[in-house]
Amino acid sequence: MKIWDLALFLSVAVGIAIWALATLRIALQRLQQSSYRNIRYWRRLFSKDTSLFLRDYRHLQVGLALVIGLVIANVGVEVSRMVALFLIPLVFFLALRSWAATRSEKKPFVFTARAQRLAAVCLIVLFIPAIWFFLEFELRAAVALFMNWIVWTPLLVLVGNGLVIPFELQVKKFYLEDAARKRRSLDGLQVIGITGSYGKTSTKHFIQGILSRRYLSYMTPGSVNTELGLAREIREQLKTIHEFFIAEMGARERGDIAQCVRVAQPTWGVLTCVGKAHLETFGSEAAIRATKGELLEGIPPSGVCFLNANDSNTTEMRQFVKSRIVTFGVQRVKDEPLVADICAQEVSVTQDGSSFRVSGEKIEVPFEVRTQLLGFHNISNLIAAIAVAVEAGMSASVIQAAVQALPPVEHRLQLLKKSNGVLVIDDAFNSNPEGFREALDTLALFKDRRRVLVTPGMVELGEQEQEENRNIGGYAAPRVSHVVLVGEDERVFPLKEGLLSEGFLSEDIEQVRTLRDAAEHLTRYNKPGDVVLFENDLPDLYG
């Protein structure tokens, strides 16, 4: 092969290598978001909503990879320079396009030790055959083989994960047992486990914000809520001086919370509510209740369980409890008293914040609190946190000061004032029917402004997904002025149908493919004074 042709081939090969690494990076990120569980990852590969082969023009990339591979394999040693010159920018474009896709995920990729080990296995499988082909045959054969490997990289990660699972199980066992051992050694530590279908993260932040006024407390950061995440925080962050550890516990399948309980060994448990979130993965509402009950079952008789008096599931959830129970709740209607140990009464929710009176059977002298937080469901999360603070022996004055200083939690009814005079309500982190309605009620408070809703609808609701999205469309109709639906027709059609069924004008509905397209539309549509609610940003994750 001539020097010129060799240089062209090497350029193509470098572009292909970058493309392969970017594709591998995407697949690793998806696997990590599937908790390294092959069955979850398999669903993401091929389900109609989350298919990796349909995301980011992946189907076009696969087709082009096959074509390029065939061209390289069949043009002969004296490669056409025109073909090679065409391939170089094309391959580099696809490489950059793939790499850009790695930054579009809602949760950032963390290159953990486990991800590094899996990446090493996959790279060996990718590169060794190509190197062997290069040494045994010639460069064009190696490149052609490599092109075909890129096509199957998402499946390669699946296979690679299967190969390393026996080793990873031993690593996981060591970390979990070591964390549990350390937790047992912290005798004076109160561990507060928090779970629920929604409101976990906000409640965690509120409990930390209040308790930290008097106690040395530590909460799990970000969205850490798995058994391995808890194990890492316990092993690396908890000290003997800590008095409270606030641990969020999430679940997508039965047994997830039980594993978190075995590691963190909570003494107090907070159940925010039981709803329909992740109904698709759980299969039934009964399975959701049983999974959330795993936390309550894990609280020892000497501990405390905090249950939501507003939740119709609470009566049934009591069967899981073997400790003392403290109930909390929000009295929504003045003439309908709520029986709860800690209760938020006389609630006032405005576009500037909220206020309410804390009373109940465990409150000797009722007191009023004010907060800059928006929305009714933030009141529910706040009263849960106040219930924990009261149980911890904190005074009313300290609680009042702490609540007033609490900042909004990122992406959860977070009010942002933009320089162009537009207000943004960022409620972009996941969505469920109850939370979606609360967000719409919050948007409706801004009566003197144009109210814009940007949403792809709700996901992971199984067979109820279309019906729930249709219902939420009807609920939104009288509360919004303009709607931007993000996603393909099949997903957003129920929302649109619900809007139109309640008399919403079709000319006030804009449908776009991506959040970027939505942002471009808002740039043209918005004017100073508008309020924009971003509800659930999952197109970036679900496509």
Protein backbone atom coordinates (compact mmCIF):
# COMPACT_ATOMS: atom_id res chain seq x y z
CA MET A 1 0.00 0.00 0.00
CA LYS A 2 1.36 3.41 -0.93
CA ILE A 3 2.23 5.97 1.73
CA TRP A 4 -0.62 8.25 0.62
CA ASP A 5 -3.18 5.47 0.80
CA LEU A 6 -1.77 4.34 4.12
CA ALA A 7 -2.11 7.87 5.55
CA LEU A 8 -5.71 8.07 4.35
CA PHE A 9 -6.50 4.69 5.84
CA LEU A 10 -4.90 5.63 9.15
CA SER A 11 -6.99 8.81 9.24
CA VAL A 12 -10.14 6.76 8.71
CA ALA A 13 -8.98 4.29 11.33
CA VAL A 14 -8.42 7.06 13.91
CA GLY A 15 -11.90 8.44 13.23
CA ILE A 16 -13.38 4.97 13.56
CA ALA A 17 -11.52 4.42 16.85
CA ILE A 18 -13.00 7.65 18.24
CA TRP A 19 -16.40 6.60 16.97
CA ALA A 20 -16.04 3.21 18.65
CA LEU A 21 -14.99 4.78 21.96
CA ALA A 22 -17.91 7.22 21.87
CA THR A 23 -20.34 4.41 21.09
CA LEU A 24 -18.87 2.35 23.92
CA ARG A 25 -19.17 5.34 26.25
CA ILE A 26 -22.88 5.73 25.40
CA ALA A 27 -23.56 2.03 25.98
CA LEU A 28 -21.71 2.08 29.32
CA GLN A 29 -23.73 5.07 30.44
CA ARG A 30 -27.01 3.34 29.57
CA LEU A 31 -25.89 0.20 31.40
CA GLN A 32 -24.92 2.24 34.45
CA GLN A 33 -28.34 3.90 34.44
CA SER A 34 -29.81 0.39 34.33
CA SER A 35 -27.95 -0.38 37.59
CA TYR A 36 -25.65 -2.76 35.64
CA ARG A 37 -28.54 -5.19 35.37
CA ASN A 38 -28.61 -6.91 32.01
CA ILE A 39 -32.37 -7.39 31.94
CA ARG A 40 -32.99 -3.67 32.45
CA TYR A 41 -30.35 -2.81 29.88
CA TRP A 42 -31.90 -5.27 27.41
CA ARG A 43 -35.24 -3.49 27.79
CA ARG A 44 -33.55 -0.19 27.05
CA LEU A 45 -31.87 -1.60 23.98
CA PHE A 46 -35.04 -2.73 22.28
CA SER A 47 -38.12 -1.18 23.88
CA LYS A 48 -40.01 1.26 21.69
CA ASP A 49 -39.41 4.13 24.12
CA THR A 50 -35.76 3.72 25.03
CA SER A 51 -34.16 1.88 22.13
CA LEU A 52 -30.48 2.69 21.75
CA PHE A 53 -30.73 1.71 18.11
CA LEU A 54 -33.27 4.46 17.42
CA ARG A 55 -31.69 7.17 19.56
CA ASP A 56 -29.30 9.78 18.22
CA TYR A 57 -29.78 8.56 14.63
CA ARG A 58 -28.19 5.30 15.71
CA HIS A 59 -30.02 3.39 12.97
CA LEU A 60 -28.43 5.67 10.35
CA GLN A 61 -25.01 5.22 11.92
CA VAL A 62 -25.38 1.46 11.84
CA GLY A 63 -26.30 1.55 8.15
CA LEU A 64 -23.38 3.83 7.31
CA ALA A 65 -20.99 1.68 9.32
CA LEU A 66 -21.97 -1.39 7.33
CA VAL A 67 -21.65 0.45 4.02
CA ILE A 68 -18.24 1.87 4.92
CA GLY A 69 -17.09 -1.53 6.11
CA LEU A 70 -18.14 -3.14 2.84
CA VAL A 71 -16.43 -0.42 0.78
CA ILE A 72 -13.19 -0.76 2.68
CA ALA A 73 -13.27 -4.54 2.45
CA ASN A 74 -13.85 -4.64 -1.29
CA VAL A 75 -12.08 -1.73 -2.97
CA GLY A 76 -8.75 -3.48 -3.06
CA VAL A 77 -5.34 -2.47 -1.83
CA GLU A 78 -5.11 0.47 -4.24
CA VAL A 79 -7.85 2.34 -2.49
CA SER A 80 -9.57 5.18 -4.32
CA ARG A 81 -8.39 8.42 -2.79
CA MET A 82 -11.74 10.02 -3.50
CA VAL A 83 -13.50 7.33 -1.42
CA ALA A 84 -10.98 7.67 1.39
CA LEU A 85 -11.23 11.48 1.42
CA PHE A 86 -15.01 11.16 1.62
CA LEU A 87 -14.79 8.67 4.47
CA ILE A 88 -12.53 10.81 6.68
CA PRO A 89 -14.96 13.73 7.32
CA LEU A 90 -17.94 11.35 7.46
CA VAL A 91 -16.36 9.12 10.08
CA PHE A 92 -15.18 12.06 12.17
CA PHE A 93 -18.66 13.63 11.95
CA LEU A 94 -20.23 10.41 13.24
CA ALA A 95 -17.62 10.20 15.98
CA LEU A 96 -18.37 13.76 17.15
CA ARG A 97 -22.13 13.12 16.87
CA SER A 98 -21.80 10.05 19.05
CA TRP A 99 -19.65 11.87 21.59
CA ALA A 100 -22.18 14.72 21.79
CA ALA A 101 -24.87 12.17 22.62
CA THR A 102 -22.95 11.15 25.74
CA ARG A 103 -23.63 14.59 27.23
CA SER A 104 -27.40 14.55 26.61
CA GLU A 105 -28.23 12.26 29.48
CA LYS A 106 -30.11 13.50 32.49
CA LYS A 107 -27.79 11.76 34.93
CA PRO A 108 -24.09 12.19 34.23
CA PHE A 109 -21.93 9.15 33.61
CA VAL A 110 -19.59 8.33 36.50
CA PHE A 111 -16.47 6.45 35.43
CA THR A 112 -16.39 4.27 38.52
CA ALA A 113 -13.98 1.42 39.13
CA ARG A 114 -16.66 -0.99 37.94
CA ALA A 115 -17.21 0.99 34.74
CA GLN A 116 -13.44 1.03 34.17
CA ARG A 117 -13.19 -2.74 34.53
CA LEU A 118 -16.07 -3.30 32.13
CA ALA A 119 -14.65 -0.80 29.63
CA ALA A 120 -11.32 -2.64 29.71
CA VAL A 121 -13.01 -5.95 28.92
CA CYS A 122 -14.98 -4.40 26.06
CA LEU A 123 -11.91 -2.68 24.60
CA ILE A 124 -10.01 -5.94 24.63
CA VAL A 125 -12.82 -7.61 22.72
CA LEU A 126 -12.97 -4.66 20.31
CA PHE A 127 -9.30 -4.10 19.61
CA ILE A 128 -7.60 -7.51 19.86
CA PRO A 129 -9.36 -9.02 16.80
CA ALA A 130 -8.71 -5.84 14.79
CA ILE A 131 -5.01 -5.87 15.73
CA TRP A 132 -4.77 -9.54 14.85
CA PHE A 133 -6.40 -8.89 11.47
CA PHE A 134 -3.94 -6.05 10.87
CA LEU A 135 -0.92 -8.20 11.69
CA GLU A 136 -2.20 -11.29 9.87
CA PHE A 137 -3.73 -9.64 6.83
CA GLU A 138 -3.65 -5.88 6.20
CA LEU A 139 -4.98 -2.57 7.44
CA ARG A 140 -8.13 -2.55 5.32
CA ALA A 141 -9.22 -5.92 6.74
CA ALA A 142 -8.69 -4.66 10.29
CA VAL A 143 -10.65 -1.48 9.61
CA ALA A 144 -13.49 -3.41 7.95
CA LEU A 145 -13.70 -5.75 10.94
CA PHE A 146 -13.62 -2.81 13.34
CA MET A 147 -16.50 -1.12 11.50
CA ASN A 148 -18.64 -4.18 11.99
CA TRP A 149 -17.73 -4.35 15.67
CA ILE A 150 -19.02 -0.78 16.16
CA VAL A 151 -22.45 -1.89 14.97
CA TRP A 152 -22.66 -4.41 17.80
CA THR A 153 -21.07 -2.36 20.59
CA PRO A 154 -24.31 -2.02 22.63
CA LEU A 155 -24.63 -5.80 22.59
CA LEU A 156 -20.91 -6.18 23.24
CA VAL A 157 -21.38 -4.26 26.50
CA LEU A 158 -24.19 -6.64 27.40
CA VAL A 159 -21.90 -9.64 26.83
CA GLY A 160 -18.97 -7.97 28.60
CA ASN A 161 -21.14 -7.26 31.63
CA GLY A 162 -22.16 -10.91 31.71
CA LEU A 163 -18.51 -11.97 31.67
CA VAL A 164 -17.52 -9.78 34.61
CA ILE A 165 -20.66 -10.37 36.72
CA PRO A 166 -19.11 -13.23 38.82
CA PHE A 167 -16.19 -10.99 39.75
CA GLU A 168 -18.41 -7.95 40.33
CA LEU A 169 -20.67 -9.95 42.63
CA GLN A 170 -17.69 -10.73 44.85
CA VAL A 171 -16.60 -7.06 44.80
CA LYS A 172 -20.16 -5.98 45.62
CA LYS A 173 -20.38 -8.49 48.47
CA PHE A 174 -17.16 -7.16 49.99
CA TYR A 175 -18.24 -3.51 49.83
CA LEU A 176 -21.72 -4.18 51.20
CA GLU A 177 -20.45 -6.30 54.08
CA ASP A 178 -17.71 -3.80 54.89
CA ALA A 179 -20.22 -0.92 54.90
CA ALA A 180 -22.66 -2.89 57.08
CA ARG A 181 -19.81 -3.68 59.47
CA LYS A 182 -18.87 0.00 59.77
CA ARG A 183 -22.51 1.00 60.21
CA ARG A 184 -22.86 -1.44 63.13
CA SER A 185 -19.82 0.13 64.77
CA LEU A 186 -21.48 3.57 64.83
CA ASP A 187 -23.60 2.94 67.91
CA GLY A 188 -24.77 6.50 68.51
CA LEU A 189 -25.86 7.14 64.91
CA GLN A 190 -29.52 7.57 63.99
CA VAL A 191 -30.06 6.51 60.39
CA ILE A 192 -33.16 7.93 58.71
CA GLY A 193 -34.20 5.91 55.69
CA ILE A 194 -36.45 7.71 53.21
CA THR A 195 -38.45 6.07 50.46
CA GLY A 196 -41.64 6.67 48.52
CA SER A 197 -42.94 6.91 44.99
CA TYR A 198 -42.08 10.59 44.87
CA GLY A 199 -40.81 13.35 47.16
CA LYS A 200 -37.83 11.36 48.47
CA THR A 201 -35.08 13.74 47.41
CA SER A 202 -36.92 16.91 48.46
CA THR A 203 -37.80 15.41 51.84
CA LYS A 204 -34.18 14.34 52.30
CA HIS A 205 -32.94 17.87 51.64
CA PHE A 206 -35.54 19.38 53.96
CA ILE A 207 -34.70 16.99 56.81
CA GLN A 208 -31.00 17.74 56.38
CA GLY A 209 -31.65 21.50 56.22
CA ILE A 210 -33.60 21.43 59.49
CA LEU A 211 -31.61 18.86 61.49
CA SER A 212 -28.29 20.48 60.61
CA ARG A 213 -29.33 23.53 62.65
CA ARG A 214 -28.79 21.50 65.81
CA TYR A 215 -27.14 18.20 64.93
CA LEU A 216 -24.12 17.07 62.97
CA SER A 217 -25.92 15.30 60.15
CA TYR A 218 -25.00 13.93 56.74
CA MET A 219 -27.27 13.07 53.80
CA THR A 220 -26.65 11.02 50.70
CA PRO A 221 -25.65 13.43 47.92
CA GLY A 222 -27.40 13.95 44.57
CA SER A 223 -29.54 11.00 43.54
CA VAL A 224 -27.52 8.36 45.40
CA ASN A 225 -30.17 5.88 46.54
CA THR A 226 -28.92 2.34 45.77
CA GLU A 227 -27.30 -0.18 48.09
CA LEU A 228 -23.85 0.35 46.53
CA GLY A 229 -24.24 4.12 46.65
CA LEU A 230 -25.18 3.92 50.32
CA ALA A 231 -22.26 1.58 50.97
CA ARG A 232 -19.83 4.05 49.42
CA GLU A 233 -21.18 6.96 51.51
CA ILE A 234 -21.05 4.92 54.71
CA ARG A 235 -17.50 3.69 54.08
CA GLU A 236 -16.06 7.00 52.87
CA GLN A 237 -18.06 9.79 54.53
CA LEU A 238 -19.64 8.73 57.82
CA LYS A 239 -17.64 9.50 60.95
CA THR A 240 -18.14 8.73 64.63
CA ILE A 241 -19.03 12.41 65.21
CA HIS A 242 -22.14 12.20 63.00
CA GLU A 243 -25.42 12.06 64.87
CA PHE A 244 -27.80 11.59 61.93
CA PHE A 245 -27.39 9.95 58.53
CA ILE A 246 -30.24 10.70 56.11
CA ALA A 247 -30.34 7.99 53.46
CA GLU A 248 -32.57 8.08 50.38
CA MET A 249 -33.60 4.61 49.22
CA GLY A 250 -34.90 4.11 45.69
CA ALA A 251 -36.30 1.08 43.92
CA ARG A 252 -37.35 -0.11 40.50
CA GLU A 253 -37.87 -3.75 41.42
CA ARG A 254 -38.78 -5.86 44.44
CA GLY A 255 -35.91 -6.31 46.86
CA ASP A 256 -34.07 -3.08 46.00
CA ILE A 257 -35.01 -1.30 49.22
CA ALA A 258 -34.43 -4.43 51.32
CA GLN A 259 -30.82 -4.41 50.13
CA CYS A 260 -30.48 -0.73 51.09
CA VAL A 261 -31.89 -1.54 54.54
CA ARG A 262 -29.38 -4.35 55.08
CA VAL A 263 -26.53 -1.95 54.38
CA ALA A 264 -27.70 1.25 56.12
CA GLN A 265 -29.62 -0.39 59.00
CA PRO A 266 -32.02 2.54 59.49
CA THR A 267 -33.50 3.27 62.91
CA TRP A 268 -36.11 5.70 61.60
CA GLY A 269 -38.07 5.32 58.38
CA VAL A 270 -39.94 7.97 56.36
CA LEU A 271 -42.45 6.89 53.72
CA THR A 272 -43.41 9.96 51.70
CA CYS A 273 -46.25 8.26 49.78
CA VAL A 274 -47.10 5.28 47.63
CA GLY A 275 -47.99 6.12 44.03
CA LYS A 276 -47.73 4.86 40.48
CA ALA A 277 -44.12 5.83 39.74
CA HIS A 278 -42.22 3.02 37.94
CA LEU A 279 -45.42 1.01 37.61
CA GLU A 280 -44.03 -0.41 34.36
CA THR A 281 -41.07 -2.04 36.10
CA PHE A 282 -42.96 -3.11 39.23
CA GLY A 283 -45.90 -4.56 37.34
CA SER A 284 -48.61 -3.72 39.87
CA GLU A 285 -49.46 -1.25 42.62
CA ALA A 286 -49.42 -4.15 45.11
CA ALA A 287 -45.77 -4.77 44.19
CA ILE A 288 -45.02 -1.09 44.75
CA ARG A 289 -46.58 -1.20 48.22
CA ALA A 290 -44.66 -4.36 49.12
CA THR A 291 -41.38 -2.82 47.94
CA LYS A 292 -41.89 0.41 49.90
CA GLY A 293 -42.84 -1.75 52.86
CA GLU A 294 -39.35 -3.23 52.86
CA LEU A 295 -38.12 -0.07 54.61
CA LEU A 296 -40.86 -0.18 57.24
CA GLU A 297 -40.16 -3.86 57.92
CA GLY A 298 -36.49 -3.02 58.46
CA ILE A 299 -37.09 -0.46 61.22
CA PRO A 300 -36.49 -2.11 64.63
CA PRO A 301 -39.18 -2.05 67.37
CA SER A 302 -37.20 0.66 69.17
CA GLY A 303 -37.31 2.92 66.10
CA VAL A 304 -39.92 5.17 64.49
CA CYS A 305 -41.82 5.04 61.20
CA PHE A 306 -43.21 8.28 59.74
CA LEU A 307 -46.30 7.71 57.58
CA ASN A 308 -48.31 10.09 55.39
CA ALA A 309 -51.83 10.57 56.74
CA ASN A 310 -52.96 11.96 53.36
CA ASP A 311 -52.00 8.77 51.54
CA SER A 312 -54.85 6.31 51.09
CA ASN A 313 -52.28 3.48 51.17
CA THR A 314 -51.14 4.28 54.70
CA THR A 315 -53.68 2.01 56.40
CA GLU A 316 -52.42 -0.93 54.37
CA MET A 317 -48.78 0.05 54.88
CA ARG A 318 -49.16 -0.20 58.66
CA GLN A 319 -49.02 -4.00 58.35
CA PHE A 320 -45.29 -3.74 57.60
CA VAL A 321 -44.50 -1.70 60.73
CA LYS A 322 -43.25 -3.20 63.99
CA SER A 323 -42.09 0.09 65.56
CA ARG A 324 -43.81 3.21 66.85
CA ILE A 325 -45.65 5.26 64.19
CA VAL A 326 -45.73 9.04 63.77
CA THR A 327 -48.17 10.35 61.16
CA PHE A 328 -47.83 13.60 59.25
CA GLY A 329 -50.11 15.31 56.76
CA VAL A 330 -51.53 18.45 55.18
CA GLN A 331 -55.07 19.66 55.81
CA ARG A 332 -56.07 20.74 52.32
CA VAL A 333 -59.69 21.69 53.00
CA LYS A 334 -60.49 23.86 56.00
CA ASP A 335 -63.71 22.09 56.92
CA GLU A 336 -62.25 18.60 56.59
CA PRO A 337 -60.03 18.02 59.64
CA LEU A 338 -57.08 15.68 59.24
CA VAL A 339 -56.09 13.36 62.06
CA ALA A 340 -52.29 13.32 62.24
CA ASP A 341 -49.57 13.57 64.87
CA ILE A 342 -47.95 16.44 62.96
CA CYS A 343 -50.25 18.43 60.68
CA ALA A 344 -49.94 21.45 58.36
CA GLN A 345 -53.09 23.57 58.69
CA GLU A 346 -54.26 26.91 57.30
CA VAL A 347 -52.01 26.42 54.29
CA SER A 348 -51.47 29.39 52.01
CA VAL A 349 -49.69 28.72 48.72
CA THR A 350 -48.86 31.69 46.52
CA GLN A 351 -46.50 32.45 43.66
CA ASP A 352 -44.07 33.92 46.19
CA GLY A 353 -43.95 30.99 48.58
CA SER A 354 -46.07 29.30 51.21
CA SER A 355 -47.03 29.47 54.86
CA PHE A 356 -48.89 27.14 57.23
CA ARG A 357 -49.52 26.41 60.88
CA VAL A 358 -47.95 23.32 62.44
CA SER A 359 -50.26 21.54 64.86
CA GLY A 360 -51.29 18.01 65.77
CA GLU A 361 -51.35 15.60 68.66
CA LYS A 362 -47.58 15.85 69.19
CA ILE A 363 -47.52 19.67 69.07
CA GLU A 364 -48.23 21.25 72.46
CA VAL A 365 -48.19 24.82 71.15
CA PRO A 366 -49.01 25.26 67.41
CA PHE A 367 -46.65 27.52 65.47
CA GLU A 368 -46.55 29.11 62.04
CA VAL A 369 -43.83 28.61 59.44
CA ARG A 370 -43.09 30.42 56.20
CA THR A 371 -41.11 29.16 53.24
CA GLN A 372 -39.96 30.37 49.85
CA LEU A 373 -40.79 26.95 48.39
CA LEU A 374 -43.55 26.61 45.79
CA GLY A 375 -46.33 24.06 45.56
CA PHE A 376 -48.60 21.98 47.76
CA HIS A 377 -46.52 18.83 47.54
CA ASN A 378 -43.52 20.73 48.92
CA ILE A 379 -45.71 21.41 51.97
CA SER A 380 -46.24 17.65 52.31
CA ASN A 381 -42.48 17.04 52.09
CA LEU A 382 -41.86 19.87 54.57
CA ILE A 383 -44.31 18.57 57.15
CA ALA A 384 -42.61 15.17 56.95
CA ALA A 385 -39.29 16.85 57.65
CA ILE A 386 -40.81 18.86 60.51
CA ALA A 387 -42.22 15.63 61.98
CA VAL A 388 -38.70 14.19 62.02
CA ALA A 389 -37.34 17.38 63.61
CA VAL A 390 -40.00 17.34 66.33
CA GLU A 391 -39.21 13.68 67.06
CA ALA A 392 -35.53 14.69 67.27
CA GLY A 393 -36.42 17.21 70.00
CA MET A 394 -35.92 20.43 68.08
CA SER A 395 -37.69 23.58 69.25
CA ALA A 396 -40.34 25.46 67.26
CA SER A 397 -38.15 28.56 66.90
CA VAL A 398 -35.25 26.61 65.41
CA ILE A 399 -37.60 24.78 63.04
CA GLN A 400 -39.19 28.06 61.94
CA ALA A 401 -35.81 29.63 61.15
CA ALA A 402 -34.61 26.53 59.31
CA VAL A 403 -37.76 26.21 57.17
CA GLN A 404 -37.67 29.87 56.18
CA ALA A 405 -34.06 29.49 54.99
CA LEU A 406 -34.58 26.29 52.98
CA PRO A 407 -33.66 26.75 49.30
CA PRO A 408 -35.63 24.95 46.57
CA VAL A 409 -34.25 21.58 45.52
CA GLU A 410 -32.78 21.57 42.02
CA HIS A 411 -35.26 20.50 39.29
CA ARG A 412 -38.13 20.20 41.78
CA LEU A 413 -40.45 23.19 41.45
CA GLN A 414 -37.37 25.39 41.41
CA LEU A 415 -38.22 28.98 40.47
CA LEU A 416 -35.63 30.60 38.21
CA LYS A 417 -35.67 34.22 37.07
CA LYS A 418 -34.14 34.62 33.63
CA SER A 419 -32.45 37.77 32.36
CA ASN A 420 -35.05 38.14 29.59
CA GLY A 421 -37.84 38.67 32.13
CA VAL A 422 -39.20 35.12 31.85
CA LEU A 423 -39.83 33.04 34.96
CA VAL A 424 -39.01 29.33 34.75
CA ILE A 425 -40.44 26.69 37.06
CA ASP A 426 -38.03 23.80 36.78
CA ASP A 427 -39.83 20.61 37.78
CA ALA A 428 -37.89 18.52 35.31
CA PHE A 429 -36.81 15.60 37.47
CA ASN A 430 -39.18 12.73 36.79
CA SER A 431 -42.92 13.07 36.90
CA ASN A 432 -45.93 11.19 38.17
CA PRO A 433 -49.66 11.93 38.05
CA GLU A 434 -49.84 13.46 41.53
CA GLY A 435 -46.70 15.57 41.17
CA PHE A 436 -47.68 16.70 37.67
CA ARG A 437 -51.04 17.99 38.95
CA GLU A 438 -49.34 19.81 41.81
CA ALA A 439 -46.94 21.47 39.38
CA LEU A 440 -49.85 22.57 37.17
CA ASP A 441 -51.65 23.99 40.22
CA THR A 442 -48.49 25.93 41.03
CA LEU A 443 -48.30 27.28 37.48
CA ALA A 444 -51.95 28.33 37.71
CA LEU A 445 -51.10 30.62 40.64
CA PHE A 446 -49.43 33.02 38.20
CA LYS A 447 -52.80 34.35 37.01
CA ASP A 448 -51.49 37.65 35.65
CA ARG A 449 -48.97 36.05 33.27
CA ARG A 450 -48.93 33.82 30.19
CA ARG A 451 -48.42 30.27 31.45
CA VAL A 452 -46.44 27.88 29.25
CA LEU A 453 -46.11 24.13 29.82
CA VAL A 454 -43.22 22.20 28.27
CA THR A 455 -43.44 18.43 28.72
CA PRO A 456 -43.08 15.04 27.05
CA GLY A 457 -45.67 13.57 29.38
CA MET A 458 -45.18 10.80 31.88
CA VAL A 459 -43.34 7.51 31.41
CA GLU A 460 -42.93 4.15 33.16
CA LEU A 461 -46.63 3.90 33.99
CA GLY A 462 -47.14 0.63 32.13
CA GLU A 463 -50.59 0.00 30.71
CA GLN A 464 -51.93 3.11 32.46
CA GLU A 465 -49.51 5.45 30.70
CA GLN A 466 -51.77 6.60 27.88
CA GLU A 467 -54.80 7.04 30.13
CA GLU A 468 -52.82 9.00 32.74
CA ASN A 469 -51.32 11.27 30.08
CA ARG A 470 -54.76 11.85 28.57
CA ASN A 471 -56.11 12.75 32.01
CA ILE A 472 -53.24 15.10 32.75
CA GLY A 473 -53.83 16.83 29.41
CA GLY A 474 -57.41 17.51 30.42
CA TYR A 475 -56.25 18.74 33.84
CA ALA A 476 -53.73 21.11 32.24
CA ALA A 477 -56.20 22.70 29.78
CA PRO A 478 -57.71 25.35 32.11
CA ARG A 479 -54.40 26.03 33.85
CA VAL A 480 -52.09 26.88 30.95
CA SER A 481 -52.00 29.35 28.06
CA HIS A 482 -49.63 27.53 25.71
CA VAL A 483 -48.27 23.98 25.56
CA VAL A 484 -45.09 22.63 24.00
CA LEU A 485 -45.22 18.85 23.63
CA VAL A 486 -41.80 17.22 23.26
CA GLY A 487 -41.50 13.87 21.53
CA GLU A 488 -42.94 11.63 18.86
CA ASP A 489 -46.64 11.47 17.98
CA GLU A 490 -47.25 8.16 19.71
CA ARG A 491 -46.05 9.44 23.08
CA VAL A 492 -47.57 12.91 23.15
CA PHE A 493 -50.86 12.12 21.37
CA PRO A 494 -52.75 11.23 24.60
CA LEU A 495 -51.68 14.56 26.14
CA LYS A 496 -52.83 16.46 23.08
CA GLU A 497 -56.08 14.53 23.01
CA GLY A 498 -56.73 15.41 26.66
CA LEU A 499 -56.04 19.09 26.05
CA LEU A 500 -58.37 19.29 23.06
CA SER A 501 -61.13 17.38 24.86
CA GLU A 502 -61.32 20.22 27.40
CA GLY A 503 -61.58 22.93 24.76
CA PHE A 504 -57.92 23.89 24.54
CA LEU A 505 -57.17 25.50 21.17
CA SER A 506 -55.00 23.47 18.79
CA GLU A 507 -53.15 26.62 17.70
CA ASP A 508 -51.86 26.97 21.27
CA ILE A 509 -50.21 23.54 21.08
CA GLU A 510 -46.74 23.24 19.61
CA GLN A 511 -45.16 19.83 19.06
CA VAL A 512 -41.39 19.48 18.72
CA ARG A 513 -39.02 16.55 18.60
CA THR A 514 -36.39 17.47 21.22
CA LEU A 515 -35.86 19.80 24.16
CA ARG A 516 -33.48 21.80 22.01
CA ASP A 517 -36.29 22.35 19.51
CA ALA A 518 -38.53 23.38 22.40
CA ALA A 519 -35.97 25.93 23.56
CA GLU A 520 -35.76 27.39 20.04
CA HIS A 521 -39.55 27.65 19.88
CA LEU A 522 -39.69 29.40 23.27
CA THR A 523 -37.06 31.88 22.11
CA ARG A 524 -39.48 32.97 19.39
CA TYR A 525 -42.67 32.70 21.46
CA ASN A 526 -41.77 34.02 24.92
CA LYS A 527 -42.01 37.61 26.01
CA PRO A 528 -41.07 39.23 29.34
CA GLY A 529 -43.44 38.23 32.12
CA ASP A 530 -44.19 34.72 30.83
CA VAL A 531 -43.93 31.73 33.19
CA VAL A 532 -42.62 28.46 31.75
CA LEU A 533 -43.05 25.13 33.54
CA PHE A 534 -40.62 22.42 32.48
CA GLU A 535 -42.27 19.19 33.62
CA ASN A 536 -40.26 16.00 33.19
CA ASP A 537 -37.27 16.27 30.83
CA LEU A 538 -37.17 12.61 29.88
CA PRO A 539 -36.90 12.91 26.09
CA ASP A 540 -33.17 13.22 26.72
CA LEU A 541 -33.31 9.82 28.36
CA TYR A 542 -36.15 8.07 26.64
CA GLY A 543 -35.88 9.42 23.10
